[in-house]
Amino acid sequence: MTQIDQADKADAAGQPARRSPLKRILDERPEARGRLGRAIAALLGTALVALGLLGGLLVWHVRRRARVIRERLGPPRVVRWPEPEDLKAEEP
């Protein structure tokens, strides 16, 4: 049985099996498999580069925003912690 015959077989409900447009193209033109594979690889590569750029922009934005917030804050206050011995003397 060829690929086309298998794709045309009916499923359990008697309905013809649905084939994707990509599968139809490959069935009609098997020589297009290489070009189609390169096109899909280029598309996936482009999506990966776009995600990487978006991630880089997100990191840049968060760091920049943190710097701006930090610059608007006042200087830290001096905090004097009690000595541990003083705490023990206060306990009943």
C-alpha atoms as a PDB file:
ATOM      1  CA  MET A   1       0.000   0.000   0.000  1.00  0.00           C
ATOM      2  CA  THR A   2       1.366   3.434  -0.900  1.00  0.00           C
ATOM      3  CA  GLN A   3       1.329   6.528   1.273  1.00  0.00           C
ATOM      4  CA  ILE A   4      -1.534   7.996  -0.718  1.00  0.00           C
ATOM      5  CA  ASP A   5      -3.619   4.825  -0.323  1.00  0.00           C
ATOM      6  CA  GLN A   6      -3.024   4.814   3.436  1.00  0.00           C
ATOM      7  CA  ALA A   7      -4.014   8.478   3.698  1.00  0.00           C
ATOM      8  CA  ASP A   8      -7.233   7.863   1.744  1.00  0.00           C
ATOM      9  CA  LYS A   9      -8.338   5.025   4.022  1.00  0.00           C
ATOM     10  CA  ALA A  10     -11.406   5.649   6.113  1.00  0.00           C
ATOM     11  CA  ASP A  11     -11.185   5.830   9.892  1.00  0.00           C
ATOM     12  CA  ALA A  12     -13.213   3.673  12.292  1.00  0.00           C
ATOM     13  CA  ALA A  13     -16.362   5.800  11.829  1.00  0.00           C
ATOM     14  CA  GLY A  14     -16.260   5.426   8.051  1.00  0.00           C
ATOM     15  CA  GLN A  15     -15.192   9.029   7.524  1.00  0.00           C
ATOM     16  CA  PRO A  16     -12.253   9.636   5.184  1.00  0.00           C
ATOM     17  CA  ALA A  17      -9.103  10.506   7.095  1.00  0.00           C
ATOM     18  CA  ARG A  18      -8.367  14.242   7.139  1.00  0.00           C
ATOM     19  CA  ARG A  19      -4.995  15.137   5.693  1.00  0.00           C
ATOM     20  CA  SER A  20      -3.127  18.304   6.457  1.00  0.00           C
ATOM     21  CA  PRO A  21      -2.240  20.706   3.637  1.00  0.00           C
ATOM     22  CA  LEU A  22       1.429  19.916   4.250  1.00  0.00           C
ATOM     23  CA  LYS A  23       0.775  16.192   3.802  1.00  0.00           C
ATOM     24  CA  ARG A  24      -1.114  16.865   0.554  1.00  0.00           C
ATOM     25  CA  ILE A  25       1.780  18.926  -0.828  1.00  0.00           C
ATOM     26  CA  LEU A  26       4.275  16.183   0.016  1.00  0.00           C
ATOM     27  CA  ASP A  27       2.035  13.508  -1.517  1.00  0.00           C
ATOM     28  CA  GLU A  28       1.667  15.488  -4.740  1.00  0.00           C
ATOM     29  CA  ARG A  29       5.318  16.592  -4.969  1.00  0.00           C
ATOM     30  CA  PRO A  30       7.745  14.347  -3.072  1.00  0.00           C
ATOM     31  CA  GLU A  31      10.701  16.289  -4.513  1.00  0.00           C
ATOM     32  CA  ALA A  32       9.561  19.354  -2.517  1.00  0.00           C
ATOM     33  CA  ARG A  33      10.437  17.657   0.796  1.00  0.00           C
ATOM     34  CA  GLY A  34      13.924  19.214   0.933  1.00  0.00           C
ATOM     35  CA  ARG A  35      12.740  22.728   0.141  1.00  0.00           C
ATOM     36  CA  LEU A  36       9.882  22.412   2.585  1.00  0.00           C
ATOM     37  CA  GLY A  37      12.227  21.157   5.300  1.00  0.00           C
ATOM     38  CA  ARG A  38      14.569  24.113   4.779  1.00  0.00           C
ATOM     39  CA  ALA A  39      11.622  26.518   4.875  1.00  0.00           C
ATOM     40  CA  ILE A  40      10.379  25.046   8.148  1.00  0.00           C
ATOM     41  CA  ALA A  41      13.899  25.133   9.617  1.00  0.00           C
ATOM     42  CA  ALA A  42      14.229  28.802   8.623  1.00  0.00           C
ATOM     43  CA  LEU A  43      10.858  29.579  10.194  1.00  0.00           C
ATOM     44  CA  LEU A  44      11.795  27.828  13.431  1.00  0.00           C
ATOM     45  CA  GLY A  45      15.164  29.590  13.464  1.00  0.00           C
ATOM     46  CA  THR A  46      13.494  32.952  12.975  1.00  0.00           C
ATOM     47  CA  ALA A  47      11.069  32.229  15.810  1.00  0.00           C
ATOM     48  CA  LEU A  48      13.957  31.222  18.079  1.00  0.00           C
ATOM     49  CA  VAL A  49      15.895  34.410  17.287  1.00  0.00           C
ATOM     50  CA  ALA A  50      12.761  36.503  17.910  1.00  0.00           C
ATOM     51  CA  LEU A  51      12.208  34.825  21.293  1.00  0.00           C
ATOM     52  CA  GLY A  52      15.841  35.411  22.200  1.00  0.00           C
ATOM     53  CA  LEU A  53      15.578  39.091  21.297  1.00  0.00           C
ATOM     54  CA  LEU A  54      12.385  39.466  23.308  1.00  0.00           C
ATOM     55  CA  GLY A  55      14.066  37.818  26.284  1.00  0.00           C
ATOM     56  CA  GLY A  56      17.038  40.151  25.976  1.00  0.00           C
ATOM     57  CA  LEU A  57      14.765  43.183  25.795  1.00  0.00           C
ATOM     58  CA  LEU A  58      12.876  41.971  28.859  1.00  0.00           C
ATOM     59  CA  VAL A  59      16.082  41.605  30.877  1.00  0.00           C
ATOM     60  CA  TRP A  60      17.301  45.026  29.725  1.00  0.00           C
ATOM     61  CA  HIS A  61      13.985  46.634  30.659  1.00  0.00           C
ATOM     62  CA  VAL A  62      13.852  45.067  34.124  1.00  0.00           C
ATOM     63  CA  ARG A  63      17.447  46.085  34.900  1.00  0.00           C
ATOM     64  CA  ARG A  64      16.836  49.618  33.655  1.00  0.00           C
ATOM     65  CA  ARG A  65      13.622  49.932  35.650  1.00  0.00           C
ATOM     66  CA  ALA A  66      15.355  48.653  38.786  1.00  0.00           C
ATOM     67  CA  ARG A  67      18.126  51.233  38.343  1.00  0.00           C
ATOM     68  CA  VAL A  68      15.603  54.067  37.947  1.00  0.00           C
ATOM     69  CA  ILE A  69      13.699  52.988  41.055  1.00  0.00           C
ATOM     70  CA  ARG A  70      16.944  52.640  43.020  1.00  0.00           C
ATOM     71  CA  GLU A  71      18.020  56.170  42.010  1.00  0.00           C
ATOM     72  CA  ARG A  72      14.750  57.655  43.261  1.00  0.00           C
ATOM     73  CA  LEU A  73      15.050  56.023  46.691  1.00  0.00           C
ATOM     74  CA  GLY A  74      16.575  57.912  49.577  1.00  0.00           C
ATOM     75  CA  PRO A  75      19.805  56.811  51.218  1.00  0.00           C
ATOM     76  CA  PRO A  76      19.513  53.817  53.537  1.00  0.00           C
ATOM     77  CA  ARG A  77      18.800  54.548  57.193  1.00  0.00           C
ATOM     78  CA  VAL A  78      21.192  53.572  59.922  1.00  0.00           C
ATOM     79  CA  VAL A  79      19.698  50.791  62.010  1.00  0.00           C
ATOM     80  CA  ARG A  80      21.082  49.956  65.409  1.00  0.00           C
ATOM     81  CA  TRP A  81      20.393  46.430  66.481  1.00  0.00           C
ATOM     82  CA  PRO A  82      20.391  45.635  70.174  1.00  0.00           C
ATOM     83  CA  GLU A  83      23.175  43.422  71.438  1.00  0.00           C
ATOM     84  CA  PRO A  84      22.109  39.815  72.140  1.00  0.00           C
ATOM     85  CA  GLU A  85      23.073  40.182  75.805  1.00  0.00           C
ATOM     86  CA  ASP A  86      20.652  43.119  76.199  1.00  0.00           C
ATOM     87  CA  LEU A  87      17.821  40.987  74.831  1.00  0.00           C
ATOM     88  CA  LYS A  88      18.447  38.252  77.389  1.00  0.00           C
ATOM     89  CA  ALA A  89      18.383  40.781  80.240  1.00  0.00           C
ATOM     90  CA  GLU A  90      14.960  42.077  79.138  1.00  0.00           C
ATOM     91  CA  GLU A  91      13.312  38.644  79.179  1.00  0.00           C
ATOM     92  CA  PRO A  92      11.390  37.814  82.415  1.00  0.00           C
END
